[in-house]
Protein backbone atom coordinates (compact mmCIF):
# COMPACT_ATOMS: atom_id res chain seq x y z
CA MET A 1 -29.47 52.71 -116.12
CA ALA A 2 -30.15 49.16 -117.17
CA LEU A 3 -33.20 47.05 -116.50
CA ILE A 4 -32.76 43.63 -114.90
CA ARG A 5 -34.71 42.14 -117.82
CA ASP A 6 -32.04 43.43 -120.23
CA ILE A 7 -28.87 42.48 -118.36
CA ALA A 8 -29.61 39.28 -116.40
CA ARG A 9 -29.30 35.92 -118.12
CA VAL A 10 -31.96 34.44 -115.83
CA CYS A 11 -34.57 36.01 -113.59
CA LYS A 12 -36.97 33.41 -112.22
CA SER A 13 -39.13 32.60 -109.26
CA LYS A 14 -40.54 29.44 -107.75
CA ASN A 15 -42.01 28.14 -104.55
CA ALA A 16 -39.68 27.22 -101.73
CA GLY A 17 -42.34 25.11 -100.09
CA PRO A 18 -45.97 26.21 -99.78
CA PHE A 19 -45.23 29.24 -97.63
CA GLU A 20 -42.17 30.85 -99.26
CA LEU A 21 -40.98 32.08 -102.65
CA THR A 22 -37.47 32.16 -103.95
CA VAL A 23 -36.24 34.46 -106.71
CA ASP A 24 -32.97 33.92 -108.60
CA VAL A 25 -31.16 36.51 -110.70
CA VAL A 26 -28.21 35.06 -112.63
CA PHE A 27 -25.65 36.79 -114.85
CA ASP A 28 -23.55 35.07 -117.51
CA ASP A 29 -20.82 37.73 -117.28
CA PRO A 30 -19.00 37.75 -113.91
CA ALA A 31 -17.79 41.32 -114.50
CA LEU A 32 -21.36 42.52 -115.05
CA TYR A 33 -22.48 40.62 -111.95
CA ARG A 34 -19.78 42.38 -109.88
CA ARG A 35 -20.87 45.77 -111.26
CA VAL A 36 -24.50 45.04 -110.37
CA LYS A 37 -23.48 43.81 -106.93
CA SER A 38 -21.43 46.95 -106.28
CA THR A 39 -24.51 49.16 -106.78
CA GLY A 40 -26.26 47.59 -103.80
CA VAL A 41 -29.62 47.88 -105.58
CA LEU A 42 -30.35 44.16 -105.29
CA CYS A 43 -30.79 43.70 -101.55
CA ALA A 44 -33.26 42.49 -98.94
CA ALA A 45 -34.88 45.94 -98.72
CA LEU A 46 -35.68 45.93 -102.45
CA PHE A 47 -37.39 42.54 -102.24
CA ALA A 48 -39.27 43.65 -99.12
CA ARG A 49 -40.59 46.69 -100.96
CA LEU A 50 -41.47 44.85 -104.18
CA TYR A 51 -43.17 41.93 -102.44
CA ASP A 52 -44.70 43.72 -99.45
CA VAL A 53 -42.87 41.73 -96.80
CA ARG A 54 -40.64 42.79 -93.90
CA ALA A 55 -36.97 43.23 -94.80
CA ASP A 56 -35.96 41.00 -91.90
CA ALA A 57 -38.11 38.23 -93.42
CA VAL A 58 -36.04 38.23 -96.63
CA LEU A 59 -33.08 35.87 -96.82
CA PHE A 60 -30.91 37.55 -99.46
CA THR A 61 -27.66 36.05 -100.68
CA ALA A 62 -25.15 37.00 -103.35
CA TYR A 63 -23.38 33.91 -104.78
CA ASP A 64 -20.14 35.16 -106.31
CA ALA A 65 -19.10 31.74 -107.65
CA ALA A 66 -22.34 31.52 -109.67
CA SER A 67 -22.64 35.24 -110.51
CA ALA A 68 -26.11 35.08 -108.97
CA PHE A 69 -28.40 36.57 -106.36
CA LYS A 70 -31.07 34.65 -104.45
CA ALA A 71 -33.86 35.98 -102.27
CA THR A 72 -36.26 33.82 -100.29
CA PHE A 73 -39.22 35.35 -98.48
CA PRO A 74 -42.74 34.52 -97.26
CA ARG A 75 -45.55 34.24 -99.78
CA LEU A 76 -48.43 36.62 -99.09
CA LEU A 77 -50.77 33.64 -99.43
CA PRO A 78 -49.79 29.99 -99.08
CA SER A 79 -49.58 28.10 -102.35
CA GLY A 80 -53.05 26.94 -103.37
CA GLU A 81 -54.86 29.09 -100.81
CA VAL A 82 -58.13 30.65 -101.96
CA GLY A 83 -57.10 33.81 -103.83
CA ASP A 84 -53.64 32.55 -104.79
CA THR A 85 -53.05 33.44 -108.43
CA ASP A 86 -49.77 31.57 -108.95
CA VAL A 87 -49.76 28.14 -107.30
CA TYR A 88 -46.20 27.33 -108.46
CA GLY A 89 -44.77 30.80 -107.79
CA CYS A 90 -43.27 30.84 -111.28
CA GLN A 91 -44.61 34.27 -112.28
CA GLN A 92 -43.59 36.17 -109.16
CA HIS A 93 -40.30 37.44 -110.59
CA ALA A 94 -42.16 39.96 -112.79
CA PRO A 95 -41.84 43.01 -110.46
CA LEU A 96 -38.07 42.57 -110.51
CA LEU A 97 -37.80 42.82 -114.30
CA ASP A 98 -38.30 46.60 -114.33
CA VAL A 99 -35.75 47.38 -111.61
CA ASP A 100 -33.17 49.88 -112.87
CA ILE A 101 -29.52 49.22 -112.09
CA PRO A 102 -27.18 52.24 -112.33
CA LEU A 103 -24.05 50.82 -113.96
CA GLU A 104 -20.66 52.55 -113.88
CA GLU A 105 -20.73 53.75 -117.49
CA ASP A 106 -24.06 55.48 -116.70
CA ARG A 107 -22.35 57.56 -114.00
CA ALA A 108 -19.57 58.62 -116.37
CA ALA A 109 -22.03 59.99 -118.94
């Protein structure tokens, strides 16, 4: 198993307007990206579970040309709303950092 924090080149979040967040996970090695993609771990259902939103509210896309994944989903609170702890949405990627990805060499061991 490998944690996203250890294998992704970039894992970041930001607002996509005041009502949505977007999270990007980018790999600098296309072969590693393909291995991660083949596991199916990064998907709309994962983001729904991590961010407490409906899976059908998550727009999840794998961008093969960029070796990247993008998920966009509703914020639980609009940006700047009373109780919002991250107005810019730039700290919302944190739950993703501890996601384990079972890579092929892990299965062979």
